[in-house]
C-alpha cells in the first residue's frame, strides 16, 4: 500500500482508513457540534413563532371558553369512589433482649450483624439455651437499624479466639473477635 491510500492497482484500499483527531482538530469538532446544536435551537424557536395559534392565550381568550367544569369528571368520579379502609397503624415489635454490658477490658465474639431484629432475637435465644453469655448491641438514634449479637465473658484473647472457632465449627456462624 502506498501513502496515498490506494492499492497498487489504483483502487481504494478497503482495509480501512484511520482518522486521527488531536489538539486543533478536536477543538474544531467540538465547536462544530456546539454550532449545530445552537442552529437547531434557534431554528426551532423561529419556526414556533411562524405557526398561527402557537402563542399563549390572553386572559380575554380564556374568559370566552365558557363553562369548562361540565367537561371535568375526575372529581365527580373521586366523590363517588368507594371508601377505602384505613390501614391499621403498625404495632411495635418488642426489642431484642438486653443484657448488661460486657465487663471493661473483656473480649467478645461477634456472631451476627443485621437489620433483621427477629433473626437476631432467634439467635440470642438459641445461644443462651446452649449456655453462652449473649448480648445485643443496637445502632444509635437516627442511624439505620443494626443488631449485633455478641457472645461475651472471655478473659483473654486466646479464649475468645478458641470460642470463635468452636462457634464457627459447631454453629456455622461467621465469627470475629472484638476487643
Protein backbone atom coordinates (compact mmCIF):
# COMPACT_ATOMS: atom_id res chain seq x y z
CA UNK A 1 0.00 0.00 0.00
CA UNK A 2 1.22 3.48 -0.75
CA UNK A 3 0.91 6.59 1.36
CA UNK A 4 -1.99 7.89 -0.76
CA UNK A 5 -4.40 5.17 0.49
CA UNK A 6 -4.56 3.45 -2.92
CA UNK A 7 -3.53 -0.10 -3.61
CA UNK A 8 -1.00 -0.97 -6.34
CA UNK A 9 -3.77 -1.36 -8.88
CA UNK A 10 -5.05 2.20 -8.30
CA UNK A 11 -8.29 1.26 -6.49
CA UNK A 12 -9.12 2.48 -3.00
CA UNK A 13 -7.76 0.29 -0.24
CA UNK A 14 -10.77 -1.31 1.56
CA UNK A 15 -8.86 -2.43 4.63
CA UNK A 16 -9.81 0.78 6.39
CA UNK A 17 -8.66 4.28 6.89
CA UNK A 18 -7.84 5.94 10.11
CA UNK A 19 -8.97 9.40 11.20
CA UNK A 20 -6.84 10.96 13.87
CA UNK A 21 -8.16 13.87 15.91
CA UNK A 22 -5.84 15.66 18.20
CA UNK A 23 -5.50 19.17 19.56
CA UNK A 24 -6.81 21.59 16.94
CA UNK A 25 -8.98 19.02 15.14
CA UNK A 26 -10.70 18.00 18.36
CA UNK A 27 -11.42 21.64 19.27
CA UNK A 28 -12.86 22.27 15.82
CA UNK A 29 -15.08 19.17 16.05
CA UNK A 30 -16.43 20.37 19.41
CA UNK A 31 -17.09 23.85 18.04
CA UNK A 32 -18.94 22.38 15.05
CA UNK A 33 -21.17 20.30 17.35
CA UNK A 34 -21.98 23.32 19.53
CA UNK A 35 -22.74 25.42 16.44
CA UNK A 36 -25.03 22.70 15.07
CA UNK A 37 -26.94 22.47 18.37
CA UNK A 38 -27.33 26.25 18.56
CA UNK A 39 -28.58 26.40 14.97
CA UNK A 40 -31.17 23.68 15.65
CA UNK A 41 -32.33 25.52 18.78
CA UNK A 42 -32.77 28.86 17.02
CA UNK A 43 -34.45 27.22 14.04
CA UNK A 44 -36.97 25.61 16.37
CA UNK A 45 -37.69 28.89 18.15
CA UNK A 46 -38.17 30.84 14.96
CA UNK A 47 -40.42 28.19 13.38
CA UNK A 48 -42.66 28.18 16.50
CA UNK A 49 -43.27 31.92 16.02
CA UNK A 50 -44.46 31.36 12.46
CA UNK A 51 -47.21 28.88 13.40
CA UNK A 52 -50.54 30.66 13.99
CA UNK A 53 -52.09 29.86 17.36
CA UNK A 54 -48.80 28.81 18.88
CA UNK A 55 -48.85 31.81 21.22
CA UNK A 56 -50.14 31.79 24.76
CA UNK A 57 -53.81 32.65 25.21
CA UNK A 58 -54.67 36.09 26.55
CA UNK A 59 -56.97 36.48 29.58
CA UNK A 60 -59.80 37.61 27.27
CA UNK A 61 -59.48 34.43 25.22
CA UNK A 62 -59.59 32.30 28.35
CA UNK A 63 -62.75 34.03 29.60
CA UNK A 64 -64.54 33.15 26.34
CA UNK A 65 -64.11 29.40 26.81
CA UNK A 66 -67.43 29.10 28.63
CA UNK A 67 -68.26 26.57 31.34
CA UNK A 68 -65.35 24.19 31.39
CA UNK A 69 -66.37 22.44 34.62
CA UNK A 70 -69.00 20.23 32.99
CA UNK A 71 -66.24 18.52 31.00
CA UNK A 72 -64.21 17.73 34.09
CA UNK A 73 -65.21 14.39 35.59
CA UNK A 74 -62.23 13.43 37.69
CA UNK A 75 -63.55 14.98 40.90
CA UNK A 76 -67.03 13.57 40.26
CA UNK A 77 -65.53 10.10 39.98
CA UNK A 78 -63.47 10.73 43.08
CA UNK A 79 -66.55 11.69 45.14
CA UNK A 80 -68.38 8.52 44.04
CA UNK A 81 -65.44 6.22 44.77
CA UNK A 82 -66.00 3.58 47.46
CA UNK A 83 -64.48 4.19 50.85
CA UNK A 84 -61.06 2.66 51.31
CA UNK A 85 -60.38 1.09 54.65
CA UNK A 86 -57.66 2.80 56.59
CA UNK A 87 -54.51 0.78 57.10
CA UNK A 88 -54.15 0.00 60.79
CA UNK A 89 -51.11 1.54 62.46
CA UNK A 90 -48.07 -0.67 62.80
CA UNK A 91 -47.72 -2.41 66.11
CA UNK A 92 -44.48 -2.10 67.94
CA UNK A 93 -42.32 -5.20 67.84
CA UNK A 94 -40.63 -5.86 71.16
CA UNK A 95 -36.96 -5.01 71.04
CA UNK A 96 -34.23 -7.58 71.39
CA UNK A 97 -33.44 -8.75 74.86
CA UNK A 98 -30.82 -6.61 76.51
CA UNK A 99 -28.04 -7.82 78.74
CA UNK A 100 -25.78 -5.73 80.88
CA UNK A 101 -22.71 -4.53 79.01
CA UNK A 102 -19.68 -6.76 78.93
CA UNK A 103 -17.10 -6.08 81.60
CA UNK A 104 -14.49 -3.47 80.69
CA UNK A 105 -11.42 -4.96 79.03
CA UNK A 106 -13.24 -8.21 78.26
CA UNK A 107 -13.13 -9.94 74.94
CA UNK A 108 -16.22 -10.71 72.85
CA UNK A 109 -17.05 -12.77 69.79
CA UNK A 110 -19.46 -11.17 67.34
CA UNK A 111 -21.54 -13.82 65.62
CA UNK A 112 -24.23 -11.81 63.82
CA UNK A 113 -24.89 -8.32 62.44
CA UNK A 114 -28.05 -7.49 60.52
CA UNK A 115 -31.05 -5.17 60.31
CA UNK A 116 -33.31 -8.19 60.95
CA UNK A 117 -34.40 -7.95 64.59
CA UNK A 118 -36.27 -11.25 64.61
CA UNK A 119 -33.25 -13.16 63.32
CA UNK A 120 -31.09 -11.54 65.99
CA UNK A 121 -33.57 -12.47 68.73
CA UNK A 122 -33.81 -16.06 67.49
CA UNK A 123 -30.03 -16.43 67.53
CA UNK A 124 -29.82 -14.91 71.02
CA UNK A 125 -32.35 -17.45 72.34
CA UNK A 126 -30.53 -20.33 70.66
CA UNK A 127 -27.12 -19.32 72.05
CA UNK A 128 -28.50 -18.71 75.55
CA UNK A 129 -30.12 -22.15 75.52
CA UNK A 130 -26.63 -23.55 74.88
CA UNK A 131 -25.27 -21.69 77.93
CA UNK A 132 -23.49 -18.76 76.25
CA UNK A 133 -23.49 -15.25 77.68
CA UNK A 134 -25.00 -13.18 74.88
CA UNK A 135 -25.83 -9.51 74.38
CA UNK A 136 -27.27 -7.45 71.54
CA UNK A 137 -25.90 -4.07 70.52
CA UNK A 138 -28.14 -1.73 68.54
CA UNK A 139 -27.41 1.27 66.39
CA UNK A 140 -27.68 4.73 67.89
CA UNK A 141 -30.67 7.03 67.44
CA UNK A 142 -31.02 8.40 63.92
CA UNK A 143 -28.93 5.61 62.41
CA UNK A 144 -30.30 2.74 60.32
CA UNK A 145 -31.22 -0.29 62.44
CA UNK A 146 -28.41 -2.75 63.02
CA UNK A 147 -28.43 -5.57 65.55
CA UNK A 148 -25.08 -7.06 66.55
CA UNK A 149 -25.16 -10.31 68.50
CA UNK A 150 -22.08 -10.86 70.63
CA UNK A 151 -21.01 -13.67 72.94
CA UNK A 152 -19.04 -12.22 75.85
CA UNK A 153 -17.27 -13.14 79.08
CA UNK A 154 -13.85 -14.18 77.80
CA UNK A 155 -10.88 -13.15 79.93
CA UNK A 156 -8.25 -13.41 77.22
CA UNK A 157 -7.89 -13.03 73.51
CA UNK A 158 -6.89 -16.69 73.21
CA UNK A 159 -10.10 -17.82 74.98
CA UNK A 160 -12.20 -15.60 72.68
CA UNK A 161 -10.47 -16.96 69.58
CA UNK A 162 -10.99 -20.53 70.76
CA UNK A 163 -14.70 -19.87 71.37
CA UNK A 164 -15.00 -18.16 67.96
CA UNK A 165 -13.52 -21.20 66.26
CA UNK A 166 -15.89 -23.51 68.15
CA UNK A 167 -18.95 -21.36 67.27
CA UNK A 168 -17.90 -21.28 63.64
CA UNK A 169 -17.32 -25.02 63.53
CA UNK A 170 -20.41 -26.10 65.51
CA UNK A 171 -22.97 -23.45 64.54
CA UNK A 172 -21.70 -22.47 61.07
CA UNK A 173 -21.56 -18.82 62.13
CA UNK A 174 -19.16 -16.28 60.72
CA UNK A 175 -17.36 -15.01 63.80
CA UNK A 176 -14.80 -12.39 64.69
CA UNK A 177 -13.21 -11.39 67.97
CA UNK A 178 -13.94 -7.90 69.26
CA UNK A 179 -11.82 -6.26 71.98
